[in-house]
């Protein structure tokens, strides 16, 4: 009986029985409720029932469909909701791929027209699809503007936020210099935010070698000056000698602990001990990481 629909019509019970019997429509659960008569018919005959009582003098409606049809109707409604949700998600995703706002913040916000123009040249503009850009080169162009000491930008939703910081005290000339190595060793990592890297990982460098240069090459092959911003991690090999009155655990521990004067993360590679007139001398070979940076404050 799960495929039965309950119908309500403003007609006498006798009229309902007579009309449905004439149309050979099975009738179940007939009830008289004041001016209304309710009854059950098979779902597939509902349209016929409405056709029979189509005259304006009859007020006919479905109180409840059968369980199967109700289930199908709910499923259809949910499909509509799911399709709508899917369409909404697609629209939102597509919208997220576009840029609808470019905002310049920080002490350099007054440079917004110049910054916006640089971003536009890089393909970032309001109303355009946000695509992969040469971020280091774009930042370098912005940092080449007068007094700019720092720049970064990111896309948040449909907006591109650009943080520009400026130094109004005229100290740019002293910082627009290359980063040179203060030590000799092997480059283990190089991070360049602005400028041109002059070394690569695994390369040996000497004290005074240029690590990052204060310029970049634009899309037309022109060299443009800018601030150097970045840092380089260099593995340095070093040796230290520590004297002790005699050879033993205490003297060795003191010698090994002396490398911490260079770095808490120093790695000891070897050590030796030599007897002298005053006692012994421990020689410890070790490596440590020295980080050289510029304009990273």
Protein backbone atom coordinates (compact mmCIF):
# COMPACT_ATOMS: atom_id res chain seq x y z
CA UNK A 1 0.00 0.00 0.00
CA UNK A 2 3.03 2.30 -0.18
CA UNK A 3 2.00 3.50 -3.65
CA UNK A 4 -1.31 5.05 -2.56
CA UNK A 5 -1.93 8.78 -2.58
CA UNK A 6 -4.44 10.45 -0.24
CA UNK A 7 -6.81 12.84 -2.07
CA UNK A 8 -9.20 15.44 -0.65
CA UNK A 9 -12.13 16.79 -2.66
CA UNK A 10 -15.13 19.01 -1.85
CA UNK A 11 -17.78 16.54 -2.88
CA UNK A 12 -20.18 14.09 -1.30
CA UNK A 13 -18.89 10.58 -0.68
CA UNK A 14 -21.57 9.18 -2.99
CA UNK A 15 -20.39 11.44 -5.80
CA UNK A 16 -16.78 10.36 -5.34
CA UNK A 17 -17.72 6.68 -5.36
CA UNK A 18 -19.92 7.09 -8.42
CA UNK A 19 -17.39 9.02 -10.51
CA UNK A 20 -14.36 6.84 -9.64
CA UNK A 21 -16.30 3.63 -10.13
CA UNK A 22 -17.41 4.82 -13.57
CA UNK A 23 -13.76 5.52 -14.45
CA UNK A 24 -12.79 2.11 -13.03
CA UNK A 25 -10.37 3.67 -10.53
CA UNK A 26 -9.95 1.55 -7.36
CA UNK A 27 -10.87 3.47 -4.21
CA UNK A 28 -9.56 2.87 -0.66
CA UNK A 29 -10.05 4.34 2.80
CA UNK A 30 -12.98 6.61 1.97
CA UNK A 31 -13.80 9.09 4.77
CA UNK A 32 -16.34 11.90 5.04
CA UNK A 33 -14.96 15.03 6.81
CA UNK A 34 -17.54 17.82 6.76
CA UNK A 35 -17.72 19.25 3.27
CA UNK A 36 -14.72 17.21 2.22
CA UNK A 37 -14.26 13.57 1.29
CA UNK A 38 -10.84 11.95 1.56
CA UNK A 39 -9.81 8.72 -0.06
CA UNK A 40 -6.83 6.73 -1.28
CA UNK A 41 -6.03 5.90 -4.91
CA UNK A 42 -2.97 4.51 -6.61
CA UNK A 43 -0.31 7.09 -7.45
CA UNK A 44 -0.55 6.33 -11.14
CA UNK A 45 -4.25 7.31 -11.21
CA UNK A 46 -3.86 10.71 -9.51
CA UNK A 47 -3.90 12.58 -12.81
CA UNK A 48 -7.12 10.83 -13.83
CA UNK A 49 -8.72 11.79 -10.50
CA UNK A 50 -7.82 15.44 -11.06
CA UNK A 51 -9.27 15.23 -14.57
CA UNK A 52 -12.52 13.77 -13.21
CA UNK A 53 -12.86 16.56 -10.63
CA UNK A 54 -11.60 19.34 -12.90
CA UNK A 55 -14.86 21.31 -12.73
CA UNK A 56 -14.51 24.54 -10.67
CA UNK A 57 -17.18 23.32 -8.24
CA UNK A 58 -14.76 20.72 -6.98
CA UNK A 59 -11.77 21.66 -4.89
CA UNK A 60 -9.37 18.77 -5.22
CA UNK A 61 -5.84 18.38 -3.83
CA UNK A 62 -3.29 15.75 -2.88
CA UNK A 63 -2.80 15.51 0.88
CA UNK A 64 -0.02 12.97 0.67
CA UNK A 65 1.61 10.98 -2.08
CA UNK A 66 2.56 7.34 -1.68
CA UNK A 67 5.86 6.54 0.01
CA UNK A 68 7.64 5.66 -3.24
CA UNK A 69 6.55 8.78 -5.09
CA UNK A 70 7.31 10.97 -2.07
CA UNK A 71 10.78 9.50 -1.95
CA UNK A 72 11.30 10.20 -5.64
CA UNK A 73 10.04 13.77 -5.25
CA UNK A 74 12.39 14.40 -2.30
CA UNK A 75 15.26 12.90 -4.26
CA UNK A 76 14.46 15.12 -7.22
CA UNK A 77 14.34 18.16 -4.95
CA UNK A 78 17.70 17.23 -3.44
CA UNK A 79 19.20 16.71 -6.87
CA UNK A 80 18.16 20.25 -7.65
CA UNK A 81 19.83 21.47 -4.48
CA UNK A 82 22.99 19.52 -5.24
CA UNK A 83 23.10 20.84 -8.79
CA UNK A 84 22.56 24.36 -7.48
CA UNK A 85 25.32 23.93 -4.89
CA UNK A 86 27.65 22.56 -7.55
CA UNK A 87 26.92 25.47 -9.87
CA UNK A 88 27.48 27.90 -7.01
CA UNK A 89 30.81 26.24 -6.14
CA UNK A 90 31.93 26.43 -9.77
CA UNK A 91 30.98 30.10 -9.97
CA UNK A 92 32.84 30.88 -6.72
CA UNK A 93 35.91 28.94 -7.87
CA UNK A 94 35.96 30.74 -11.20
CA UNK A 95 35.56 34.08 -9.43
CA UNK A 96 38.47 33.26 -7.13
CA UNK A 97 40.69 32.89 -10.20
CA UNK A 98 40.15 36.56 -11.11
CA UNK A 99 41.46 39.74 -9.52
CA UNK A 100 38.77 42.20 -8.45
CA UNK A 101 40.88 44.37 -6.15
CA UNK A 102 44.53 45.47 -5.84
CA UNK A 103 45.40 47.06 -2.50
CA UNK A 104 48.76 48.58 -1.54
CA UNK A 105 49.39 48.70 2.21
CA UNK A 106 52.29 49.68 4.44
CA UNK A 107 54.30 52.87 4.73
CA UNK A 108 54.70 52.87 0.94
CA UNK A 109 50.96 52.95 0.23
CA UNK A 110 51.43 56.42 -1.28
CA UNK A 111 53.25 54.68 -4.15
CA UNK A 112 50.05 52.84 -5.08
CA UNK A 113 49.85 54.26 -8.68
CA UNK A 114 53.42 53.19 -9.47
CA UNK A 115 53.03 49.81 -7.79
CA UNK A 116 49.74 49.16 -9.59
CA UNK A 117 51.37 50.00 -12.91
CA UNK A 118 54.23 47.55 -12.25
CA UNK A 119 51.75 44.82 -11.33
CA UNK A 120 49.77 45.53 -14.50
CA UNK A 121 52.94 45.14 -16.59
CA UNK A 122 53.41 41.76 -14.88
CA UNK A 123 49.87 40.67 -15.79
CA UNK A 124 48.16 41.44 -12.48
CA UNK A 125 45.26 43.85 -12.90
CA UNK A 126 41.64 44.26 -11.80
CA UNK A 127 39.31 42.19 -13.96
CA UNK A 128 42.05 39.91 -15.24
CA UNK A 129 42.66 36.23 -14.59
CA UNK A 130 45.33 35.76 -11.91
CA UNK A 131 48.09 33.67 -13.43
CA UNK A 132 51.61 32.68 -12.51
CA UNK A 133 53.94 35.67 -12.60
CA UNK A 134 57.65 36.15 -12.09
CA UNK A 135 57.20 37.15 -8.47
CA UNK A 136 60.88 37.91 -7.67
CA UNK A 137 61.18 40.12 -10.75
CA UNK A 138 57.94 41.95 -9.95
CA UNK A 139 59.09 42.55 -6.36
CA UNK A 140 62.47 43.73 -7.63
CA UNK A 141 60.78 46.29 -9.88
CA UNK A 142 58.74 47.63 -6.97
CA UNK A 143 61.80 47.77 -4.71
CA UNK A 144 63.58 49.79 -7.38
CA UNK A 145 61.14 52.63 -6.66
CA UNK A 146 62.59 55.50 -4.59
CA UNK A 147 62.86 54.84 -0.84
CA UNK A 148 61.33 51.33 -1.01
CA UNK A 149 63.07 48.95 1.41
CA UNK A 150 60.68 45.98 1.47
CA UNK A 151 57.95 44.51 -0.69
CA UNK A 152 55.81 41.37 -0.75
CA UNK A 153 52.45 40.52 -2.26
CA UNK A 154 49.94 37.69 -2.16
CA UNK A 155 46.49 36.88 -3.48
CA UNK A 156 43.76 36.64 -0.83
CA UNK A 157 40.48 35.50 -2.34
CA UNK A 158 39.81 37.88 -5.21
CA UNK A 159 42.17 40.58 -3.96
CA UNK A 160 45.93 41.06 -4.38
CA UNK A 161 47.47 42.65 -1.28
CA UNK A 162 50.83 44.36 -1.75
CA UNK A 163 52.88 45.31 1.32
CA UNK A 164 55.34 48.10 0.52
CA UNK A 165 57.60 49.59 3.19
CA UNK A 166 59.67 52.74 2.69
CA UNK A 167 62.58 54.41 4.47
CA UNK A 168 62.05 58.15 4.40
CA UNK A 169 65.35 58.97 6.13
CA UNK A 170 67.53 58.49 3.07
CA UNK A 171 69.46 55.42 4.16
CA UNK A 172 68.79 53.67 0.86
CA UNK A 173 72.23 54.46 -0.56
CA UNK A 174 73.93 52.54 2.22
CA UNK A 175 71.76 49.44 1.80
CA UNK A 176 71.56 49.33 -2.00
CA UNK A 177 74.81 47.36 -2.04
CA UNK A 178 75.61 43.71 -2.82
CA UNK A 179 75.70 40.99 -0.22
CA UNK A 180 79.28 39.74 0.11
CA UNK A 181 80.43 36.69 1.99
CA UNK A 182 82.01 37.40 5.39
CA UNK A 183 83.45 33.88 5.55
CA UNK A 184 84.87 31.13 3.35
CA UNK A 185 82.98 27.88 2.98
CA UNK A 186 80.34 26.03 0.98
CA UNK A 187 76.90 27.43 0.11
CA UNK A 188 74.17 25.15 1.48
CA UNK A 189 71.18 27.43 0.86
CA UNK A 190 70.46 30.72 -0.88
CA UNK A 191 67.22 32.68 -0.69
CA UNK A 192 66.87 35.80 -2.83
CA UNK A 193 63.81 37.98 -2.37
CA UNK A 194 65.16 40.85 -4.42
CA UNK A 195 68.30 41.05 -6.49
CA UNK A 196 70.29 38.54 -8.55
CA UNK A 197 71.96 35.47 -7.02
CA UNK A 198 75.66 35.16 -7.85
CA UNK A 199 76.26 31.73 -6.32
CA UNK A 200 74.40 28.44 -6.09
CA UNK A 201 74.04 25.59 -3.60
CA UNK A 202 77.15 23.44 -3.31
CA UNK A 203 79.45 26.20 -4.57
CA UNK A 204 82.61 27.07 -2.65
CA UNK A 205 82.98 30.75 -1.74
CA UNK A 206 85.73 32.86 -0.23
CA UNK A 207 85.55 35.81 2.10
CA UNK A 208 84.56 38.87 0.08
CA UNK A 209 82.85 37.00 -2.77
CA UNK A 210 79.62 38.59 -4.00
CA UNK A 211 76.61 36.45 -3.09
CA UNK A 212 73.65 38.62 -4.20
CA UNK A 213 73.92 41.59 -6.58
CA UNK A 214 71.68 44.69 -6.34
CA UNK A 215 70.12 44.48 -9.79
CA UNK A 216 67.72 42.43 -11.88
CA UNK A 217 67.16 41.93 -15.61
CA UNK A 218 63.75 42.95 -16.90
CA UNK A 219 61.76 41.28 -19.66
CA UNK A 220 63.53 43.36 -22.30
CA UNK A 221 66.98 42.30 -21.12
CA UNK A 222 67.69 45.64 -19.46
CA UNK A 223 69.59 45.75 -16.15
CA UNK A 224 67.74 47.65 -13.44
CA UNK A 225 69.23 48.52 -10.05
CA UNK A 226 67.41 47.52 -6.87
CA UNK A 227 67.90 46.69 -3.21
CA UNK A 228 69.42 43.37 -2.23
CA UNK A 229 67.10 41.36 0.01
CA UNK A 230 67.91 37.79 0.97
CA UNK A 231 70.24 35.51 2.86
CA UNK A 232 72.79 32.76 2.25
CA UNK A 233 73.66 29.85 4.55
CA UNK A 234 77.34 28.88 4.33
CA UNK A 235 78.96 25.78 5.86
CA UNK A 236 82.27 26.84 7.34
CA UNK A 237 85.10 24.46 8.28
CA UNK A 238 87.07 25.60 11.32
CA UNK A 239 89.65 24.38 13.83
CA UNK A 240 90.24 25.33 17.43
CA UNK A 241 93.07 24.48 19.84
CA UNK A 242 92.56 24.21 23.60
CA UNK A 243 95.35 23.57 26.14
CA UNK A 244 95.01 21.39 29.23
CA UNK A 245 97.30 20.36 32.04
CA UNK A 246 97.02 16.69 31.19
CA UNK A 247 95.23 14.34 28.85
CA UNK A 248 91.90 13.07 30.17
CA UNK A 249 88.14 13.27 29.99
CA UNK A 250 87.98 16.69 31.64
CA UNK A 251 90.40 18.28 29.20
CA UNK A 252 88.72 16.64 26.19
CA UNK A 253 85.27 17.77 27.30
CA UNK A 254 86.48 21.36 27.66
CA UNK A 255 88.02 21.27 24.19
CA UNK A 256 84.91 19.84 22.54
CA UNK A 257 82.68 22.33 24.36
CA UNK A 258 84.77 25.23 23.03
CA UNK A 259 83.22 24.85 19.56
CA UNK A 260 79.95 26.17 21.00
CA UNK A 261 81.57 29.60 20.93
CA UNK A 262 81.01 29.48 17.17
CA UNK A 263 77.63 27.79 17.03
CA UNK A 264 75.34 25.74 19.26
CA UNK A 265 74.81 23.44 16.27
CA UNK A 266 78.46 22.98 15.33
CA UNK A 267 79.40 19.48 14.17
CA UNK A 268 82.73 18.03 15.29
CA UNK A 269 84.49 16.14 12.50
CA UNK A 270 87.69 15.06 14.31
CA UNK A 271 90.08 15.90 17.13
CA UNK A 272 93.66 15.15 18.12
CA UNK A 273 95.86 15.64 21.19
CA UNK A 274 99.51 16.66 21.33
CA UNK A 275 101.80 16.61 24.33
CA UNK A 276 103.76 19.82 25.00
CA UNK A 277 105.99 21.05 27.82
CA UNK A 278 103.08 22.76 29.60
CA UNK A 279 100.75 19.73 29.29
CA UNK A 280 98.66 18.85 26.20
CA UNK A 281 96.92 20.68 23.39
CA UNK A 282 93.64 19.41 21.96
CA UNK A 283 92.97 20.31 18.33
CA UNK A 284 89.32 20.06 17.30
CA UNK A 285 88.10 20.21 13.68
CA UNK A 286 84.43 21.12 13.17
CA UNK A 287 81.92 22.73 10.84
CA UNK A 288 79.14 25.23 11.49
CA UNK A 289 76.56 27.17 9.49
CA UNK A 290 77.03 30.92 9.09
CA UNK A 291 74.09 32.93 7.74
CA UNK A 292 74.89 36.08 5.78
CA UNK A 293 71.87 38.32 5.16
CA UNK A 294 71.01 41.76 3.86
CA UNK A 295 67.95 43.95 4.44
CA UNK A 296 66.11 41.13 6.23
CA UNK A 297 65.23 43.18 9.34
